[in-house]
Amino acid sequence: MLVEHPLAPRWRRLVSLCYESLLLLAVILVAGMLFQLLFSRLAGTPAQFAFLILVLYGYFAWCWRRSGQTLAMKTWRLQLRNRANQLPSLWQVSLRFALCLLVYAPLIPLWAYTKHVPDMKWLLWLGLVWMALPWLWALIDREQQCLHDRLAGIRVVLLPIHRAD
């Protein structure tokens, strides 16, 4: 059984998400280049998009199952725990990934579309509201957890500082 830790504050989770976005950009760039080197005629197709989603799933599932943390979460001392205060199961991390994908993935084609159709910029604002929904949920949630965490049965906790004195 793991030690009980306090729930992580929203601001820390949001800053960790911003840092995670930068790290994911690097992962996607490397995976995209690898895909193009190996399967050049499939570049820019749904197969490449599916490959990138699988790479992201592999990254998150491996990190969350192994230690409950990604690199960004380690930096900000955050960890995923289930309701039994254990590291989440594969089912829970898969569900969390799928729910996050449902929220964040539509922004990519939406951004690309509104870039080429200027009079549809309102769609981008609608997408940003969609992306904010899990965080708005955290404002009313009794444990301040995002909607995807609540539905997956996961809590984001704050780990203590370990000093090597």
N, C-alpha and C. Protein backbone atom coordinates (compact mmCIF):
# COMPACT_ATOMS: atom_id res chain seq x y z
N MET A 1 0.86 -1.20 0.00
CA MET A 1 0.00 0.00 0.00
C MET A 1 0.89 1.24 0.00
N LEU A 2 0.55 2.19 -0.83
CA LEU A 2 1.31 3.43 -0.91
C LEU A 2 0.85 4.41 0.16
N VAL A 3 1.73 5.31 0.52
CA VAL A 3 1.42 6.33 1.52
C VAL A 3 0.38 7.30 0.94
N GLU A 4 -0.55 7.71 1.78
CA GLU A 4 -1.59 8.67 1.37
C GLU A 4 -0.97 10.06 1.23
N HIS A 5 -1.21 10.71 0.10
CA HIS A 5 -0.69 12.06 -0.14
C HIS A 5 -1.85 13.00 -0.44
N PRO A 6 -1.65 14.30 -0.22
CA PRO A 6 -2.73 15.26 -0.51
C PRO A 6 -2.97 15.37 -2.01
N LEU A 7 -4.18 15.77 -2.35
CA LEU A 7 -4.51 16.00 -3.76
C LEU A 7 -3.71 17.18 -4.30
N ALA A 8 -3.33 17.09 -5.55
CA ALA A 8 -2.54 18.15 -6.18
C ALA A 8 -3.43 19.35 -6.50
N PRO A 9 -2.92 20.55 -6.28
CA PRO A 9 -3.70 21.75 -6.63
C PRO A 9 -3.85 21.88 -8.15
N ARG A 10 -4.93 22.51 -8.57
CA ARG A 10 -5.22 22.68 -10.01
C ARG A 10 -4.10 23.42 -10.72
N TRP A 11 -3.55 24.48 -10.10
CA TRP A 11 -2.54 25.28 -10.79
C TRP A 11 -1.31 24.44 -11.11
N ARG A 12 -0.95 23.53 -10.21
CA ARG A 12 0.23 22.69 -10.42
C ARG A 12 -0.03 21.69 -11.56
N ARG A 13 -1.24 21.17 -11.61
CA ARG A 13 -1.59 20.24 -12.69
C ARG A 13 -1.59 20.95 -14.04
N LEU A 14 -2.07 22.18 -14.05
CA LEU A 14 -2.12 22.94 -15.31
C LEU A 14 -0.72 23.29 -15.80
N VAL A 15 0.17 23.68 -14.90
CA VAL A 15 1.55 23.98 -15.29
C VAL A 15 2.23 22.70 -15.78
N SER A 16 1.96 21.59 -15.14
CA SER A 16 2.52 20.32 -15.58
C SER A 16 2.01 19.96 -16.97
N LEU A 17 0.74 20.25 -17.25
CA LEU A 17 0.17 20.00 -18.57
C LEU A 17 0.89 20.83 -19.64
N CYS A 18 1.19 22.08 -19.33
CA CYS A 18 1.92 22.93 -20.28
C CYS A 18 3.30 22.36 -20.56
N TYR A 19 4.00 21.93 -19.52
CA TYR A 19 5.32 21.33 -19.69
C TYR A 19 5.21 20.03 -20.48
N GLU A 20 4.20 19.24 -20.16
CA GLU A 20 3.96 17.98 -20.87
C GLU A 20 3.75 18.22 -22.36
N SER A 21 3.07 19.30 -22.71
CA SER A 21 2.83 19.63 -24.11
C SER A 21 4.15 19.83 -24.86
N LEU A 22 5.10 20.49 -24.23
CA LEU A 22 6.40 20.69 -24.86
C LEU A 22 7.13 19.36 -25.05
N LEU A 23 7.07 18.50 -24.06
CA LEU A 23 7.71 17.20 -24.16
C LEU A 23 7.05 16.34 -25.24
N LEU A 24 5.72 16.42 -25.32
CA LEU A 24 5.00 15.64 -26.32
C LEU A 24 5.30 16.11 -27.73
N LEU A 25 5.55 17.40 -27.88
CA LEU A 25 5.94 17.92 -29.20
C LEU A 25 7.21 17.22 -29.67
N ALA A 26 8.17 17.06 -28.79
CA ALA A 26 9.42 16.37 -29.15
C ALA A 26 9.15 14.90 -29.49
N VAL A 27 8.33 14.24 -28.70
CA VAL A 27 8.00 12.83 -28.94
C VAL A 27 7.32 12.68 -30.30
N ILE A 28 6.37 13.57 -30.60
CA ILE A 28 5.65 13.49 -31.86
C ILE A 28 6.57 13.78 -33.04
N LEU A 29 7.46 14.75 -32.90
CA LEU A 29 8.40 15.05 -33.99
C LEU A 29 9.31 13.86 -34.29
N VAL A 30 9.86 13.25 -33.26
CA VAL A 30 10.75 12.10 -33.46
C VAL A 30 9.98 10.92 -34.05
N ALA A 31 8.80 10.64 -33.50
CA ALA A 31 7.99 9.53 -34.01
C ALA A 31 7.54 9.80 -35.45
N GLY A 32 7.20 11.04 -35.75
CA GLY A 32 6.79 11.39 -37.11
C GLY A 32 7.93 11.23 -38.10
N MET A 33 9.12 11.65 -37.71
CA MET A 33 10.28 11.48 -38.60
C MET A 33 10.59 10.00 -38.80
N LEU A 34 10.51 9.21 -37.74
CA LEU A 34 10.74 7.78 -37.83
C LEU A 34 9.73 7.14 -38.79
N PHE A 35 8.46 7.52 -38.64
CA PHE A 35 7.42 6.98 -39.51
C PHE A 35 7.70 7.33 -40.97
N GLN A 36 8.09 8.57 -41.23
CA GLN A 36 8.36 8.98 -42.60
C GLN A 36 9.57 8.28 -43.19
N LEU A 37 10.56 8.00 -42.36
CA LEU A 37 11.73 7.25 -42.85
C LEU A 37 11.37 5.81 -43.19
N LEU A 38 10.53 5.20 -42.38
CA LEU A 38 10.17 3.80 -42.58
C LEU A 38 9.05 3.60 -43.59
N PHE A 39 8.10 4.52 -43.61
CA PHE A 39 6.91 4.36 -44.46
C PHE A 39 6.63 5.66 -45.22
N SER A 40 7.56 6.08 -46.05
CA SER A 40 7.46 7.39 -46.69
C SER A 40 6.20 7.56 -47.53
N ARG A 41 5.73 6.50 -48.16
CA ARG A 41 4.53 6.68 -49.00
C ARG A 41 3.25 6.79 -48.18
N LEU A 42 3.30 6.50 -46.89
CA LEU A 42 2.13 6.64 -46.03
C LEU A 42 2.14 7.93 -45.22
N ALA A 43 3.17 8.76 -45.45
CA ALA A 43 3.29 10.02 -44.70
C ALA A 43 2.08 10.91 -44.98
N GLY A 44 1.56 11.50 -43.92
CA GLY A 44 0.42 12.41 -44.04
C GLY A 44 -0.92 11.72 -44.19
N THR A 45 -0.97 10.42 -44.01
CA THR A 45 -2.22 9.66 -44.13
C THR A 45 -2.77 9.34 -42.74
N PRO A 46 -3.98 8.82 -42.68
CA PRO A 46 -4.52 8.39 -41.39
C PRO A 46 -3.65 7.33 -40.70
N ALA A 47 -2.89 6.57 -41.48
CA ALA A 47 -2.00 5.57 -40.88
C ALA A 47 -0.93 6.25 -40.02
N GLN A 48 -0.42 7.38 -40.49
CA GLN A 48 0.58 8.10 -39.70
C GLN A 48 -0.06 8.67 -38.43
N PHE A 49 -1.26 9.20 -38.56
CA PHE A 49 -1.97 9.73 -37.39
C PHE A 49 -2.20 8.61 -36.37
N ALA A 50 -2.62 7.43 -36.84
CA ALA A 50 -2.85 6.30 -35.94
C ALA A 50 -1.54 5.87 -35.27
N PHE A 51 -0.45 5.88 -36.03
CA PHE A 51 0.86 5.54 -35.47
C PHE A 51 1.23 6.51 -34.35
N LEU A 52 1.03 7.80 -34.58
CA LEU A 52 1.37 8.80 -33.56
C LEU A 52 0.50 8.64 -32.31
N ILE A 53 -0.77 8.32 -32.50
CA ILE A 53 -1.65 8.08 -31.35
C ILE A 53 -1.15 6.87 -30.55
N LEU A 54 -0.73 5.81 -31.27
CA LEU A 54 -0.20 4.63 -30.58
C LEU A 54 1.09 4.94 -29.84
N VAL A 55 1.94 5.76 -30.42
CA VAL A 55 3.18 6.16 -29.74
C VAL A 55 2.85 6.93 -28.46
N LEU A 56 1.91 7.86 -28.56
CA LEU A 56 1.51 8.63 -27.37
C LEU A 56 0.90 7.72 -26.31
N TYR A 57 0.05 6.80 -26.75
CA TYR A 57 -0.54 5.86 -25.79
C TYR A 57 0.55 5.05 -25.11
N GLY A 58 1.50 4.56 -25.88
CA GLY A 58 2.60 3.79 -25.31
C GLY A 58 3.38 4.59 -24.28
N TYR A 59 3.66 5.83 -24.61
CA TYR A 59 4.39 6.71 -23.68
C TYR A 59 3.62 6.88 -22.37
N PHE A 60 2.36 7.27 -22.48
CA PHE A 60 1.58 7.53 -21.27
C PHE A 60 1.31 6.24 -20.48
N ALA A 61 0.91 5.18 -21.17
CA ALA A 61 0.60 3.93 -20.46
C ALA A 61 1.83 3.40 -19.73
N TRP A 62 2.98 3.46 -20.38
CA TRP A 62 4.20 2.97 -19.75
C TRP A 62 4.55 3.81 -18.52
N CYS A 63 4.52 5.13 -18.68
CA CYS A 63 4.87 6.01 -17.55
C CYS A 63 3.87 5.89 -16.41
N TRP A 64 2.59 5.93 -16.71
CA TRP A 64 1.58 5.92 -15.66
C TRP A 64 1.51 4.57 -14.94
N ARG A 65 1.73 3.46 -15.67
CA ARG A 65 1.70 2.15 -15.03
C ARG A 65 2.97 1.89 -14.22
N ARG A 66 4.12 2.35 -14.72
CA ARG A 66 5.40 2.08 -14.07
C ARG A 66 5.53 2.84 -12.76
N SER A 67 5.25 4.17 -12.80
CA SER A 67 5.48 4.98 -11.61
C SER A 67 4.33 5.94 -11.29
N GLY A 68 3.33 5.96 -12.15
CA GLY A 68 2.23 6.90 -11.96
C GLY A 68 2.60 8.31 -12.38
N GLN A 69 3.73 8.46 -13.08
CA GLN A 69 4.23 9.79 -13.43
C GLN A 69 4.87 9.82 -14.82
N THR A 70 4.65 10.91 -15.52
CA THR A 70 5.43 11.21 -16.72
C THR A 70 6.58 12.11 -16.28
N LEU A 71 7.46 12.47 -17.20
CA LEU A 71 8.57 13.33 -16.84
C LEU A 71 8.08 14.68 -16.30
N ALA A 72 7.06 15.25 -16.94
CA ALA A 72 6.51 16.53 -16.46
C ALA A 72 5.90 16.37 -15.07
N MET A 73 5.23 15.27 -14.83
CA MET A 73 4.63 15.04 -13.52
C MET A 73 5.70 14.86 -12.45
N LYS A 74 6.82 14.22 -12.80
CA LYS A 74 7.93 14.09 -11.85
C LYS A 74 8.49 15.45 -11.49
N THR A 75 8.64 16.30 -12.50
CA THR A 75 9.17 17.64 -12.28
C THR A 75 8.30 18.42 -11.30
N TRP A 76 6.99 18.28 -11.43
CA TRP A 76 6.06 19.02 -10.57
C TRP A 76 5.55 18.20 -9.39
N ARG A 77 6.19 17.04 -9.14
CA ARG A 77 5.89 16.18 -7.99
C ARG A 77 4.43 15.73 -7.96
N LEU A 78 3.92 15.34 -9.12
CA LEU A 78 2.55 14.83 -9.23
C LEU A 78 2.60 13.34 -9.50
N GLN A 79 1.56 12.65 -9.04
CA GLN A 79 1.48 11.22 -9.31
C GLN A 79 0.02 10.81 -9.42
N LEU A 80 -0.23 9.83 -10.28
CA LEU A 80 -1.57 9.28 -10.42
C LEU A 80 -1.75 8.14 -9.43
N ARG A 81 -2.88 8.13 -8.76
CA ARG A 81 -3.26 7.04 -7.86
C ARG A 81 -4.72 6.71 -8.12
N ASN A 82 -5.09 5.46 -7.91
CA ASN A 82 -6.50 5.12 -8.03
C ASN A 82 -7.19 5.35 -6.68
N ARG A 83 -8.45 5.03 -6.60
CA ARG A 83 -9.20 5.29 -5.36
C ARG A 83 -8.72 4.44 -4.19
N ALA A 84 -8.04 3.33 -4.49
CA ALA A 84 -7.48 2.48 -3.43
C ALA A 84 -6.08 2.94 -3.06
N ASN A 85 -5.67 4.11 -3.55
CA ASN A 85 -4.37 4.71 -3.28
C ASN A 85 -3.21 3.86 -3.81
N GLN A 86 -3.46 3.18 -4.93
CA GLN A 86 -2.42 2.40 -5.59
C GLN A 86 -2.18 2.99 -6.97
N LEU A 87 -1.09 2.57 -7.61
CA LEU A 87 -0.87 3.00 -8.98
C LEU A 87 -2.04 2.51 -9.84
N PRO A 88 -2.46 3.30 -10.81
CA PRO A 88 -3.63 2.91 -11.59
C PRO A 88 -3.39 1.65 -12.43
N SER A 89 -4.47 0.95 -12.70
CA SER A 89 -4.41 -0.27 -13.51
C SER A 89 -4.27 0.11 -14.99
N LEU A 90 -3.96 -0.87 -15.82
CA LEU A 90 -3.86 -0.62 -17.26
C LEU A 90 -5.20 -0.14 -17.80
N TRP A 91 -6.29 -0.70 -17.30
CA TRP A 91 -7.61 -0.27 -17.72
C TRP A 91 -7.82 1.21 -17.38
N GLN A 92 -7.46 1.63 -16.20
CA GLN A 92 -7.65 3.01 -15.78
C GLN A 92 -6.80 3.98 -16.60
N VAL A 93 -5.54 3.63 -16.85
CA VAL A 93 -4.70 4.54 -17.64
C VAL A 93 -5.17 4.57 -19.10
N SER A 94 -5.67 3.44 -19.60
CA SER A 94 -6.20 3.41 -20.97
C SER A 94 -7.45 4.27 -21.08
N LEU A 95 -8.32 4.18 -20.08
CA LEU A 95 -9.53 4.99 -20.08
C LEU A 95 -9.18 6.48 -19.95
N ARG A 96 -8.24 6.79 -19.08
CA ARG A 96 -7.81 8.19 -18.92
C ARG A 96 -7.24 8.72 -20.23
N PHE A 97 -6.41 7.93 -20.90
CA PHE A 97 -5.83 8.35 -22.18
C PHE A 97 -6.93 8.58 -23.21
N ALA A 98 -7.88 7.64 -23.31
CA ALA A 98 -8.96 7.77 -24.29
C ALA A 98 -9.80 9.02 -24.03
N LEU A 99 -10.10 9.29 -22.76
CA LEU A 99 -10.89 10.47 -22.43
C LEU A 99 -10.12 11.76 -22.72
N CYS A 100 -8.83 11.77 -22.42
CA CYS A 100 -8.01 12.94 -22.75
C CYS A 100 -7.92 13.13 -24.25
N LEU A 101 -7.79 12.03 -24.98
CA LEU A 101 -7.74 12.09 -26.44
C LEU A 101 -9.03 12.67 -27.00
N LEU A 102 -10.14 12.29 -26.43
CA LEU A 102 -11.44 12.80 -26.85
C LEU A 102 -11.53 14.31 -26.67
N VAL A 103 -10.88 14.82 -25.63
CA VAL A 103 -10.91 16.25 -25.35
C VAL A 103 -9.90 17.02 -26.20
N TYR A 104 -8.66 16.54 -26.26
CA TYR A 104 -7.59 17.34 -26.86
C TYR A 104 -7.36 17.09 -28.35
N ALA A 105 -7.59 15.89 -28.84
CA ALA A 105 -7.30 15.58 -30.25
C ALA A 105 -8.12 16.39 -31.25
N PRO A 106 -9.40 16.70 -31.00
CA PRO A 106 -10.14 17.48 -32.00
C PRO A 106 -9.56 18.87 -32.26
N LEU A 107 -8.74 19.37 -31.36
CA LEU A 107 -8.18 20.70 -31.56
C LEU A 107 -7.20 20.76 -32.72
N ILE A 108 -6.54 19.65 -33.04
CA ILE A 108 -5.54 19.65 -34.10
C ILE A 108 -6.18 19.89 -35.46
N PRO A 109 -7.16 19.07 -35.90
CA PRO A 109 -7.78 19.37 -37.20
C PRO A 109 -8.58 20.67 -37.18
N LEU A 110 -9.13 21.01 -36.05
CA LEU A 110 -9.88 22.26 -35.93
C LEU A 110 -8.96 23.46 -36.16
N TRP A 111 -7.79 23.43 -35.58
CA TRP A 111 -6.81 24.50 -35.77
C TRP A 111 -6.39 24.57 -37.24
N ALA A 112 -6.12 23.41 -37.84
CA ALA A 112 -5.70 23.38 -39.25
C ALA A 112 -6.81 23.91 -40.16
N TYR A 113 -8.05 23.56 -39.87
CA TYR A 113 -9.18 24.00 -40.70
C TYR A 113 -9.39 25.50 -40.59
N THR A 114 -9.38 26.03 -39.38
CA THR A 114 -9.63 27.46 -39.21
C THR A 114 -8.49 28.31 -39.75
N LYS A 115 -7.31 27.72 -39.88
CA LYS A 115 -6.18 28.43 -40.46
C LYS A 115 -6.43 28.74 -41.95
N HIS A 116 -7.14 27.84 -42.62
CA HIS A 116 -7.40 27.98 -44.05
C HIS A 116 -8.75 28.61 -44.35
N VAL A 117 -9.62 28.68 -43.38
CA VAL A 117 -10.95 29.26 -43.57
C VAL A 117 -11.14 30.33 -42.50
N PRO A 118 -10.67 31.56 -42.77
CA PRO A 118 -10.64 32.61 -41.75
C PRO A 118 -12.00 32.95 -41.13
N ASP A 119 -13.09 32.84 -41.90
CA ASP A 119 -14.39 33.21 -41.33
C ASP A 119 -14.93 32.14 -40.38
N MET A 120 -14.19 31.08 -40.16
CA MET A 120 -14.62 30.03 -39.23
C MET A 120 -13.80 30.04 -37.95
N LYS A 121 -13.15 31.16 -37.63
CA LYS A 121 -12.32 31.26 -36.42
C LYS A 121 -13.13 30.98 -35.15
N TRP A 122 -14.44 31.22 -35.20
CA TRP A 122 -15.26 30.97 -34.03
C TRP A 122 -15.21 29.49 -33.63
N LEU A 123 -14.95 28.61 -34.61
CA LEU A 123 -14.82 27.18 -34.30
C LEU A 123 -13.63 26.92 -33.39
N LEU A 124 -12.57 27.67 -33.60
CA LEU A 124 -11.40 27.51 -32.75
C LEU A 124 -11.72 27.89 -31.31
N TRP A 125 -12.48 28.96 -31.14
CA TRP A 125 -12.90 29.36 -29.79
C TRP A 125 -13.80 28.29 -29.17
N LEU A 126 -14.66 27.71 -29.98
CA LEU A 126 -15.51 26.62 -29.50
C LEU A 126 -14.65 25.43 -29.06
N GLY A 127 -13.59 25.15 -29.82
CA GLY A 127 -12.67 24.07 -29.47
C GLY A 127 -11.94 24.35 -28.17
N LEU A 128 -11.57 25.60 -27.95
CA LEU A 128 -10.90 25.95 -26.70
C LEU A 128 -11.83 25.80 -25.50
N VAL A 129 -13.10 26.12 -25.69
CA VAL A 129 -14.09 25.91 -24.62
C VAL A 129 -14.22 24.41 -24.35
N TRP A 130 -14.26 23.61 -25.43
CA TRP A 130 -14.33 22.15 -25.29
C TRP A 130 -13.14 21.63 -24.48
N MET A 131 -11.93 22.16 -24.78
CA MET A 131 -10.73 21.76 -24.09
C MET A 131 -10.76 22.17 -22.61
N ALA A 132 -11.44 23.25 -22.30
CA ALA A 132 -11.51 23.74 -20.92
C ALA A 132 -12.53 22.98 -20.07
N LEU A 133 -13.41 22.22 -20.68
CA LEU A 133 -14.47 21.55 -19.92
C LEU A 133 -13.96 20.67 -18.77
N PRO A 134 -12.94 19.83 -18.98
CA PRO A 134 -12.47 19.04 -17.83
C PRO A 134 -11.93 19.91 -16.70
N TRP A 135 -11.34 21.03 -17.04
CA TRP A 135 -10.79 21.94 -16.02
C TRP A 135 -11.91 22.73 -15.35
N LEU A 136 -12.96 23.05 -16.08
CA LEU A 136 -14.12 23.70 -15.48
C LEU A 136 -14.81 22.73 -14.51
N TRP A 137 -14.83 21.46 -14.88
CA TRP A 137 -15.38 20.44 -13.99
C TRP A 137 -14.63 20.43 -12.66
N ALA A 138 -13.30 20.61 -12.74
CA ALA A 138 -12.48 20.59 -11.52
C ALA A 138 -12.87 21.70 -10.55
N LEU A 139 -13.48 22.77 -11.06
CA LEU A 139 -13.92 23.86 -10.19
C LEU A 139 -15.09 23.45 -9.30
N ILE A 140 -15.89 22.50 -9.78
CA ILE A 140 -17.07 22.09 -9.00
C ILE A 140 -16.89 20.71 -8.36
N ASP A 141 -15.85 19.98 -8.76
CA ASP A 141 -15.61 18.65 -8.21
C ASP A 141 -15.18 18.76 -6.74
N ARG A 142 -15.67 17.88 -5.89
CA ARG A 142 -15.37 17.97 -4.46
C ARG A 142 -13.89 17.75 -4.15
N GLU A 143 -13.18 17.01 -5.02
CA GLU A 143 -11.74 16.79 -4.83
C GLU A 143 -10.91 17.60 -5.84
N GLN A 144 -11.57 18.48 -6.57
CA GLN A 144 -10.93 19.34 -7.57
C GLN A 144 -10.24 18.53 -8.67
N GLN A 145 -10.78 17.35 -8.98
CA GLN A 145 -10.22 16.51 -10.02
C GLN A 145 -10.88 16.83 -11.36
N CYS A 146 -10.13 16.70 -12.44
CA CYS A 146 -10.67 16.92 -13.78
C CYS A 146 -11.64 15.78 -14.12
N LEU A 147 -12.49 16.04 -15.08
CA LEU A 147 -13.53 15.08 -15.44
C LEU A 147 -12.93 13.75 -15.89
N HIS A 148 -11.87 13.78 -16.69
CA HIS A 148 -11.29 12.52 -17.17
C HIS A 148 -10.71 11.69 -16.02
N ASP A 149 -10.20 12.35 -15.00
CA ASP A 149 -9.70 11.62 -13.83
C ASP A 149 -10.84 11.04 -13.02
N ARG A 150 -11.89 11.81 -12.84
CA ARG A 150 -13.05 11.34 -12.08
C ARG A 150 -13.65 10.11 -12.77
N LEU A 151 -13.82 10.17 -14.09
CA LEU A 151 -14.43 9.05 -14.81
C LEU A 151 -13.53 7.82 -14.84
N ALA A 152 -12.23 8.01 -14.83
CA ALA A 152 -11.29 6.88 -14.84
C ALA A 152 -10.99 6.35 -13.44
N GLY A 153 -11.52 7.00 -12.41
CA GLY A 153 -11.27 6.55 -11.05
C GLY A 153 -9.85 6.83 -10.59
N ILE A 154 -9.30 7.95 -11.06
CA ILE A 154 -7.92 8.32 -10.77
C ILE A 154 -7.89 9.64 -10.03
N ARG A 155 -6.92 9.77 -9.14
CA ARG A 155 -6.68 11.04 -8.43
C ARG A 155 -5.26 11.47 -8.73
N VAL A 156 -5.04 12.77 -8.85
CA VAL A 156 -3.69 13.30 -9.03
C VAL A 156 -3.27 13.84 -7.67
N VAL A 157 -2.19 13.26 -7.13
CA VAL A 157 -1.74 13.64 -5.79
C VAL A 157 -0.41 14.39 -5.88
N LEU A 158 -0.13 15.11 -4.81
CA LEU A 158 1.12 15.87 -4.69
C LEU A 158 2.07 15.08 -3.80
N LEU A 159 3.26 14.81 -4.32
CA LEU A 159 4.26 14.07 -3.56
C LEU A 159 5.11 15.03 -2.73
N PRO A 160 5.64 14.56 -1.61
CA PRO A 160 6.47 15.43 -0.77
C PRO A 160 7.85 15.65 -1.41
N ILE A 161 8.53 16.67 -0.95
CA ILE A 161 9.90 16.94 -1.40
C ILE A 161 10.82 15.99 -0.64
N HIS A 162 11.68 15.30 -1.37
CA HIS A 162 12.67 14.42 -0.74
C HIS A 162 14.01 15.13 -0.74
N ARG A 163 14.52 15.36 0.43
CA ARG A 163 15.79 16.04 0.57
C ARG A 163 16.87 15.02 0.93
N ALA A 164 18.00 15.16 0.28
CA ALA A 164 19.14 14.27 0.57
C ALA A 164 20.08 14.99 1.53
N ASP A 165 19.72 15.02 2.81
CA ASP A 165 20.54 15.72 3.82
C ASP A 165 21.58 14.82 4.41
